């Protein structure tokens, strides 16, 4: 039974996501991808014109899945403070599953952004702006039900949540701690919002 061409493309994308998440863009060569997928250079170049082009495609998929996840969270009918909690919970669940590498991927690519193409840098920039806006909206909703917290600046708090999540993912790779990302996010949520 022969494989469909789309199977090969999907395997390249999945493998690149895994390798870029683990070793970074600079630490992953086209040959690494070819060996892991079990294809020739010709097969690779049939689908992607370069490693940069592949990286853009991988990032597009990751960002698209972030957007889909946010849409699901925002459509849920729950108390406003719960929306932020559900967002963080969903990210943590996805990250902890080992199946969804997008948190690590975006973190890793962001750290290496100076080495990426200008198109990929722009995609990362747009992703972080979108993230900032999403967090600000979720924080505004959470604060709406808590007048005692009206002095909290949603923009600064959004940046704090993004930094904590980003930092926890990166720090866990360098110096794992007994407190996982769930504990970090719940502590922050409890101190800032509730």
Protein backbone atom coordinates (compact mmCIF):
# COMPACT_ATOMS: atom_id res chain seq x y z
CA UNK A 1 0.00 0.00 0.00
CA UNK A 2 1.54 3.31 -1.03
CA UNK A 3 1.33 6.50 0.96
CA UNK A 4 -0.65 9.49 -0.15
CA UNK A 5 1.42 12.60 -0.91
CA UNK A 6 -0.38 14.47 1.89
CA UNK A 7 0.80 11.80 4.36
CA UNK A 8 4.41 12.65 3.51
CA UNK A 9 3.78 16.36 3.91
CA UNK A 10 2.05 15.79 7.26
CA UNK A 11 4.92 13.60 8.45
CA UNK A 12 7.42 16.32 7.50
CA UNK A 13 5.38 18.94 9.36
CA UNK A 14 4.94 16.75 12.46
CA UNK A 15 8.60 15.79 12.52
CA UNK A 16 9.74 19.39 12.06
CA UNK A 17 7.43 20.52 14.87
CA UNK A 18 8.98 17.94 17.16
CA UNK A 19 12.57 18.68 16.16
CA UNK A 20 12.19 22.47 16.21
CA UNK A 21 10.50 22.22 19.62
CA UNK A 22 13.26 20.04 21.02
CA UNK A 23 16.43 21.24 19.28
CA UNK A 24 15.41 24.63 17.91
CA UNK A 25 15.52 25.89 14.34
CA UNK A 26 19.30 26.30 14.26
CA UNK A 27 19.84 22.92 15.92
CA UNK A 28 17.77 21.06 13.33
CA UNK A 29 19.10 20.48 9.84
CA UNK A 30 17.17 19.43 6.77
CA UNK A 31 19.15 16.18 6.94
CA UNK A 32 17.84 15.61 10.50
CA UNK A 33 14.30 15.98 9.18
CA UNK A 34 14.99 13.73 6.17
CA UNK A 35 16.42 10.97 8.40
CA UNK A 36 13.55 11.19 10.90
CA UNK A 37 10.86 11.11 8.20
CA UNK A 38 12.72 8.63 5.98
CA UNK A 39 12.51 10.63 2.75
CA UNK A 40 14.86 12.04 0.14
CA UNK A 41 15.79 15.67 -0.40
CA UNK A 42 13.74 15.63 -3.57
CA UNK A 43 10.65 14.61 -1.59
CA UNK A 44 11.32 17.38 0.92
CA UNK A 45 11.75 20.04 -1.76
CA UNK A 46 8.59 18.84 -3.47
CA UNK A 47 6.63 20.24 -0.50
CA UNK A 48 8.89 22.97 0.92
CA UNK A 49 11.28 25.27 -0.86
CA UNK A 50 13.54 25.64 2.20
CA UNK A 51 13.88 25.00 5.91
CA UNK A 52 12.64 28.57 6.45
CA UNK A 53 9.53 27.83 4.41
CA UNK A 54 8.95 24.68 6.48
CA UNK A 55 9.37 26.66 9.70
CA UNK A 56 6.77 29.19 8.54
CA UNK A 57 4.33 26.36 7.76
CA UNK A 58 4.91 24.73 11.16
CA UNK A 59 4.41 28.06 12.90
CA UNK A 60 1.22 28.74 10.91
CA UNK A 61 -0.22 25.43 12.11
CA UNK A 62 0.73 26.13 15.72
CA UNK A 63 -0.74 29.64 15.67
CA UNK A 64 -3.90 28.33 14.01
CA UNK A 65 -4.33 25.79 16.79
CA UNK A 66 -3.84 28.50 19.42
CA UNK A 67 -6.58 30.52 17.71
CA UNK A 68 -8.91 27.51 17.61
CA UNK A 69 -8.31 26.80 21.30
CA UNK A 70 -8.98 30.44 22.21
CA UNK A 71 -12.20 30.42 20.18
CA UNK A 72 -13.45 27.37 22.07
CA UNK A 73 -12.62 28.97 25.44
CA UNK A 74 -14.27 32.27 24.50
CA UNK A 75 -17.45 30.52 23.32
CA UNK A 76 -17.96 28.71 26.62
CA UNK A 77 -20.65 30.20 28.78
CA UNK A 78 -19.00 30.48 32.15
CA UNK A 79 -18.38 33.20 34.72
CA UNK A 80 -15.91 35.71 33.34
CA UNK A 81 -13.12 34.90 35.80
CA UNK A 82 -13.36 31.29 34.70
CA UNK A 83 -12.47 32.14 31.09
CA UNK A 84 -8.90 33.05 32.05
CA UNK A 85 -8.66 29.97 34.24
CA UNK A 86 -10.04 27.75 31.46
CA UNK A 87 -7.55 29.22 28.96
CA UNK A 88 -4.61 28.53 31.27
CA UNK A 89 -5.99 25.10 32.12
CA UNK A 90 -6.38 24.23 28.43
CA UNK A 91 -2.83 25.36 27.63
CA UNK A 92 -1.43 23.40 30.56
CA UNK A 93 -3.41 20.30 29.62
CA UNK A 94 -2.24 20.52 26.01
CA UNK A 95 1.37 21.15 27.05
CA UNK A 96 1.36 18.33 29.62
CA UNK A 97 -0.16 15.79 27.24
CA UNK A 98 3.07 15.46 25.29
CA UNK A 99 0.95 15.47 22.12
CA UNK A 100 0.80 19.26 21.65
CA UNK A 101 4.23 20.81 21.23
CA UNK A 102 3.12 24.31 20.30
CA UNK A 103 3.96 25.97 23.63
CA UNK A 104 7.51 24.66 23.43
CA UNK A 105 7.70 25.38 19.69
CA UNK A 106 6.68 29.02 19.99
CA UNK A 107 8.95 29.48 23.02
CA UNK A 108 11.93 27.94 21.26
CA UNK A 109 11.40 29.87 18.02
CA UNK A 110 10.91 33.13 19.93
CA UNK A 111 14.23 32.66 21.69
CA UNK A 112 15.92 32.06 18.33
CA UNK A 113 13.98 34.73 16.44
CA UNK A 114 17.11 36.64 15.38
CA UNK A 115 18.17 33.57 13.37
CA UNK A 116 14.82 33.18 11.61
CA UNK A 117 13.62 34.64 8.35
CA UNK A 118 11.94 38.04 8.47
CA UNK A 119 8.63 36.39 7.52
CA UNK A 120 8.87 34.00 10.48
CA UNK A 121 9.91 36.84 12.78
CA UNK A 122 6.82 38.77 11.69
CA UNK A 123 4.59 35.74 12.30
CA UNK A 124 6.02 35.41 15.82
CA UNK A 125 5.56 39.13 16.42
CA UNK A 126 1.93 38.92 15.31
CA UNK A 127 1.38 35.85 17.48
CA UNK A 128 2.66 37.62 20.61
CA UNK A 129 0.53 40.69 19.85
CA UNK A 130 -2.50 38.41 19.50
CA UNK A 131 -1.57 36.69 22.77
CA UNK A 132 -1.29 40.04 24.54
CA UNK A 133 -4.73 41.05 23.29
CA UNK A 134 -6.28 37.72 24.27
CA UNK A 135 -4.88 37.87 27.79
CA UNK A 136 -5.95 41.49 28.20
CA UNK A 137 -9.51 40.60 27.20
CA UNK A 138 -9.63 37.59 29.51
CA UNK A 139 -8.21 39.66 32.38
CA UNK A 140 -10.72 42.47 31.79
CA UNK A 141 -13.51 39.89 32.00
CA UNK A 142 -12.08 38.48 35.22
CA UNK A 143 -11.72 41.93 36.78
CA UNK A 144 -15.23 42.96 35.80
CA UNK A 145 -16.60 40.69 38.53
CA UNK A 146 -14.10 41.82 41.14
CA UNK A 147 -14.33 45.55 41.90
CA UNK A 148 -11.69 45.26 44.64
CA UNK A 149 -9.11 44.62 41.91
CA UNK A 150 -9.96 47.66 39.75
CA UNK A 151 -6.43 49.07 40.17
CA UNK A 152 -4.96 46.15 38.20
CA UNK A 153 -3.70 47.15 34.76
CA UNK A 154 -4.90 44.51 32.24
CA UNK A 155 -2.04 45.19 29.81
CA UNK A 156 0.68 44.81 32.47
CA UNK A 157 -1.05 41.79 33.96
CA UNK A 158 -1.37 40.19 30.52
CA UNK A 159 2.36 40.64 30.02
CA UNK A 160 2.96 39.09 33.45
CA UNK A 161 0.90 36.00 32.57
CA UNK A 162 2.61 35.64 29.19
CA UNK A 163 6.04 36.03 30.78
CA UNK A 164 5.27 33.51 33.51
CA UNK A 165 4.01 30.94 31.03
CA UNK A 166 6.88 31.51 28.59
CA UNK A 167 9.44 31.51 31.40
CA UNK A 168 8.05 28.38 33.07
CA UNK A 169 8.27 26.44 29.79
CA UNK A 170 11.82 27.55 29.11
CA UNK A 171 13.04 27.24 32.68
CA UNK A 172 11.62 23.72 32.93
CA UNK A 173 13.96 22.69 30.09
CA UNK A 174 16.99 24.17 31.86
CA UNK A 175 16.21 23.58 35.52
CA UNK A 176 13.13 21.41 36.13
CA UNK A 177 11.37 22.12 39.40
CA UNK A 178 8.90 20.16 41.47
CA UNK A 179 6.38 22.93 40.79
CA UNK A 180 5.01 22.43 37.34
CA UNK A 181 3.54 25.04 35.04
CA UNK A 182 0.10 24.36 36.53
CA UNK A 183 1.29 25.47 39.95
CA UNK A 184 2.96 28.56 38.51
CA UNK A 185 -0.17 29.65 36.63
CA UNK A 186 -2.56 28.87 39.49
CA UNK A 187 -0.38 30.80 41.94
CA UNK A 188 -0.25 33.78 39.63
CA UNK A 189 -3.98 33.62 38.96
CA UNK A 190 -4.74 33.47 42.68
CA UNK A 191 -2.48 36.38 43.54
CA UNK A 192 -3.46 38.70 40.74
CA UNK A 193 -7.09 38.06 39.89
CA UNK A 194 -8.91 36.28 42.71
